[in-house]
Amino acid sequence: HIVFYSYILLTEKGKKQIFTDNLRTLFRYAMKTYSGKGKIMGSKKYGIDYNKCFIKLEKEAKSYGYTIEEMRKMNYHVDHIIPTILYNFNDIEEIRKCWNPLNLRWLSQHENCTKSGNIRPEDLEIIKTLPENIYPKGMSLQQFG
């Protein structure tokens, strides 16, 4: 079951821990959905650094004039710019690429749910600015127009 926390009385460390826990939950969901394997190793074995993800997303929230907590309250989701469905979740290197902080951003709940696993034209422009070493194996920008 899911536990909801009140951000009002929490310390900064506590807020960071809750956000990191939410990222872990997203990771486990992605692994169960896309890997087809029952056993999931710890995120560190996949090369995922939740602290770097937190720092990147906190900086992005601040650039919009908000905190992470405010972004969450406004129904913003953590989105993978290059959708998770394009990565091979049976390959540790692919999982590391997918969860690279550069591949994460804030997106409104509506946009995130509408976008689903698709790459929209505006996403393609952002993807062009990302380092190619985080692209899924075999991904070519030409295939998206």
Protein backbone atom coordinates (compact mmCIF):
# COMPACT_ATOMS: atom_id res chain seq x y z
CA HIS A 1 0.00 0.00 0.00
CA ILE A 2 1.04 3.58 -0.61
CA VAL A 3 1.88 5.93 2.25
CA PHE A 4 1.27 9.64 1.82
CA TYR A 5 3.30 12.12 3.83
CA SER A 6 2.59 15.69 4.80
CA TYR A 7 5.47 17.86 3.58
CA ILE A 8 4.65 20.67 6.01
CA LEU A 9 6.52 19.41 9.09
CA LEU A 10 9.33 17.51 7.39
CA THR A 11 12.96 18.52 7.35
CA GLU A 12 14.76 19.01 4.04
CA LYS A 13 16.43 15.63 4.56
CA GLY A 14 13.02 14.04 5.13
CA LYS A 15 11.58 15.65 2.00
CA LYS A 16 14.51 14.39 -0.03
CA GLN A 17 14.04 10.87 1.39
CA ILE A 18 10.36 10.84 0.47
CA PHE A 19 11.13 11.99 -3.06
CA THR A 20 13.87 9.37 -3.39
CA ASP A 21 11.45 6.72 -2.12
CA ASN A 22 8.98 7.80 -4.81
CA LEU A 23 11.69 7.45 -7.48
CA ARG A 24 12.49 3.96 -6.16
CA THR A 25 8.81 3.05 -6.45
CA LEU A 26 8.77 4.32 -10.06
CA PHE A 27 11.90 2.27 -10.77
CA ARG A 28 10.43 -0.93 -9.31
CA TYR A 29 7.23 -0.40 -11.30
CA ALA A 30 9.22 0.07 -14.52
CA MET A 31 11.27 -3.04 -13.82
CA LYS A 32 8.19 -5.16 -13.16
CA THR A 33 6.45 -3.76 -16.24
CA TYR A 34 9.29 -3.93 -18.75
CA SER A 35 11.81 -6.55 -17.60
CA GLY A 36 9.63 -9.63 -17.38
CA LYS A 37 11.83 -10.85 -14.53
CA GLY A 38 10.62 -11.46 -11.02
CA LYS A 39 13.83 -10.62 -9.15
CA ILE A 40 14.97 -7.00 -9.12
CA MET A 41 18.44 -6.05 -7.89
CA GLY A 42 19.09 -2.89 -5.93
CA SER A 43 19.19 0.29 -7.99
CA LYS A 44 22.93 0.80 -7.35
CA LYS A 45 23.65 -2.46 -9.22
CA TYR A 46 21.98 -0.86 -12.24
CA GLY A 47 24.03 2.32 -11.84
CA ILE A 48 21.11 4.49 -10.77
CA ASP A 49 22.03 7.45 -8.57
CA TYR A 50 18.87 8.78 -6.95
CA ASN A 51 20.79 11.67 -5.40
CA LYS A 52 21.82 12.93 -8.84
CA CYS A 53 18.23 12.51 -10.03
CA PHE A 54 17.02 14.52 -7.02
CA ILE A 55 19.56 17.29 -7.62
CA LYS A 56 18.64 17.55 -11.31
CA LEU A 57 14.89 17.64 -10.66
CA GLU A 58 15.24 20.03 -7.72
CA LYS A 59 17.26 22.42 -9.92
CA GLU A 60 14.64 22.17 -12.67
CA ALA A 61 11.81 22.85 -10.20
CA LYS A 62 13.69 25.92 -8.91
CA SER A 63 14.15 27.15 -12.49
CA TYR A 64 10.33 27.20 -12.69
CA GLY A 65 10.17 29.07 -9.38
CA TYR A 66 8.94 26.11 -7.30
CA THR A 67 10.13 23.45 -4.90
CA ILE A 68 9.82 19.74 -5.60
CA GLU A 69 6.95 19.57 -3.11
CA GLU A 70 5.11 22.37 -4.93
CA MET A 71 5.63 20.65 -8.29
CA ARG A 72 4.14 17.44 -6.86
CA LYS A 73 1.18 19.33 -5.33
CA MET A 74 0.52 20.91 -8.75
CA ASN A 75 0.29 17.37 -10.20
CA TYR A 76 3.62 17.35 -12.00
CA HIS A 77 5.15 13.94 -12.64
CA VAL A 78 8.74 12.83 -13.13
CA ASP A 79 8.86 11.98 -16.83
CA HIS A 80 11.41 10.11 -18.92
CA ILE A 81 12.13 12.31 -21.92
CA ILE A 82 13.11 9.23 -23.91
CA PRO A 83 10.27 6.89 -22.87
CA THR A 84 11.08 3.85 -20.75
CA ILE A 85 9.36 1.57 -23.25
CA LEU A 86 12.18 2.21 -25.76
CA TYR A 87 14.82 0.73 -23.46
CA ASN A 88 15.59 -2.96 -22.97
CA PHE A 89 14.93 -3.58 -19.28
CA ASN A 90 16.71 -6.92 -19.45
CA ASP A 91 20.02 -5.10 -20.09
CA ILE A 92 21.69 -3.38 -17.11
CA GLU A 93 23.38 -0.79 -19.34
CA GLU A 94 20.04 0.13 -20.93
CA ILE A 95 18.44 0.55 -17.50
CA ARG A 96 21.31 2.85 -16.44
CA LYS A 97 20.80 4.96 -19.57
CA CYS A 98 17.05 5.18 -19.04
CA TRP A 99 17.45 6.44 -15.46
CA ASN A 100 20.21 8.92 -16.29
CA PRO A 101 19.21 12.21 -14.61
CA LEU A 102 19.48 13.97 -17.98
CA ASN A 103 16.59 11.80 -19.21
CA LEU A 104 14.30 12.98 -16.39
CA ARG A 105 12.16 16.10 -16.26
CA TRP A 106 8.98 17.52 -14.79
CA LEU A 107 5.85 17.15 -16.91
CA SER A 108 2.27 17.87 -15.95
CA GLN A 109 0.18 14.83 -15.12
CA HIS A 110 -2.06 15.52 -18.13
CA GLU A 111 0.88 15.80 -20.56
CA ASN A 112 2.62 12.76 -19.09
CA CYS A 113 -0.48 10.57 -19.32
CA THR A 114 -1.33 11.83 -22.81
CA LYS A 115 2.24 11.39 -24.03
CA SER A 116 2.44 7.85 -22.70
CA GLY A 117 5.34 6.04 -24.44
CA ASN A 118 5.34 8.29 -27.48
CA ILE A 119 7.84 10.88 -28.62
CA ARG A 120 6.15 14.13 -29.53
CA PRO A 121 7.79 16.69 -31.86
CA GLU A 122 8.65 18.93 -28.89
CA ASP A 123 10.22 15.94 -27.11
CA LEU A 124 12.32 15.18 -30.18
CA GLU A 125 13.81 18.67 -30.01
CA ILE A 126 14.80 18.07 -26.36
CA ILE A 127 16.18 14.60 -27.15
CA LYS A 128 18.46 16.16 -29.78
CA THR A 129 20.14 18.09 -26.95
CA LEU A 130 20.79 14.94 -24.87
CA PRO A 131 24.06 13.02 -25.13
CA GLU A 132 23.68 10.10 -27.53
CA ASN A 133 25.26 7.75 -25.00
CA ILE A 134 21.95 7.71 -23.09
CA TYR A 135 19.90 6.78 -26.18
CA PRO A 136 18.54 3.22 -26.23
CA LYS A 137 20.49 0.73 -28.36
CA GLY A 138 19.52 1.06 -31.99
CA MET A 139 17.65 4.35 -31.50
CA SER A 140 17.94 6.73 -34.41
CA LEU A 141 16.40 10.17 -34.39
CA GLN A 142 15.54 9.69 -38.06
CA GLN A 143 12.95 7.07 -37.11
CA PHE A 144 10.96 9.83 -35.38
CA GLY A 145 10.89 12.26 -38.27
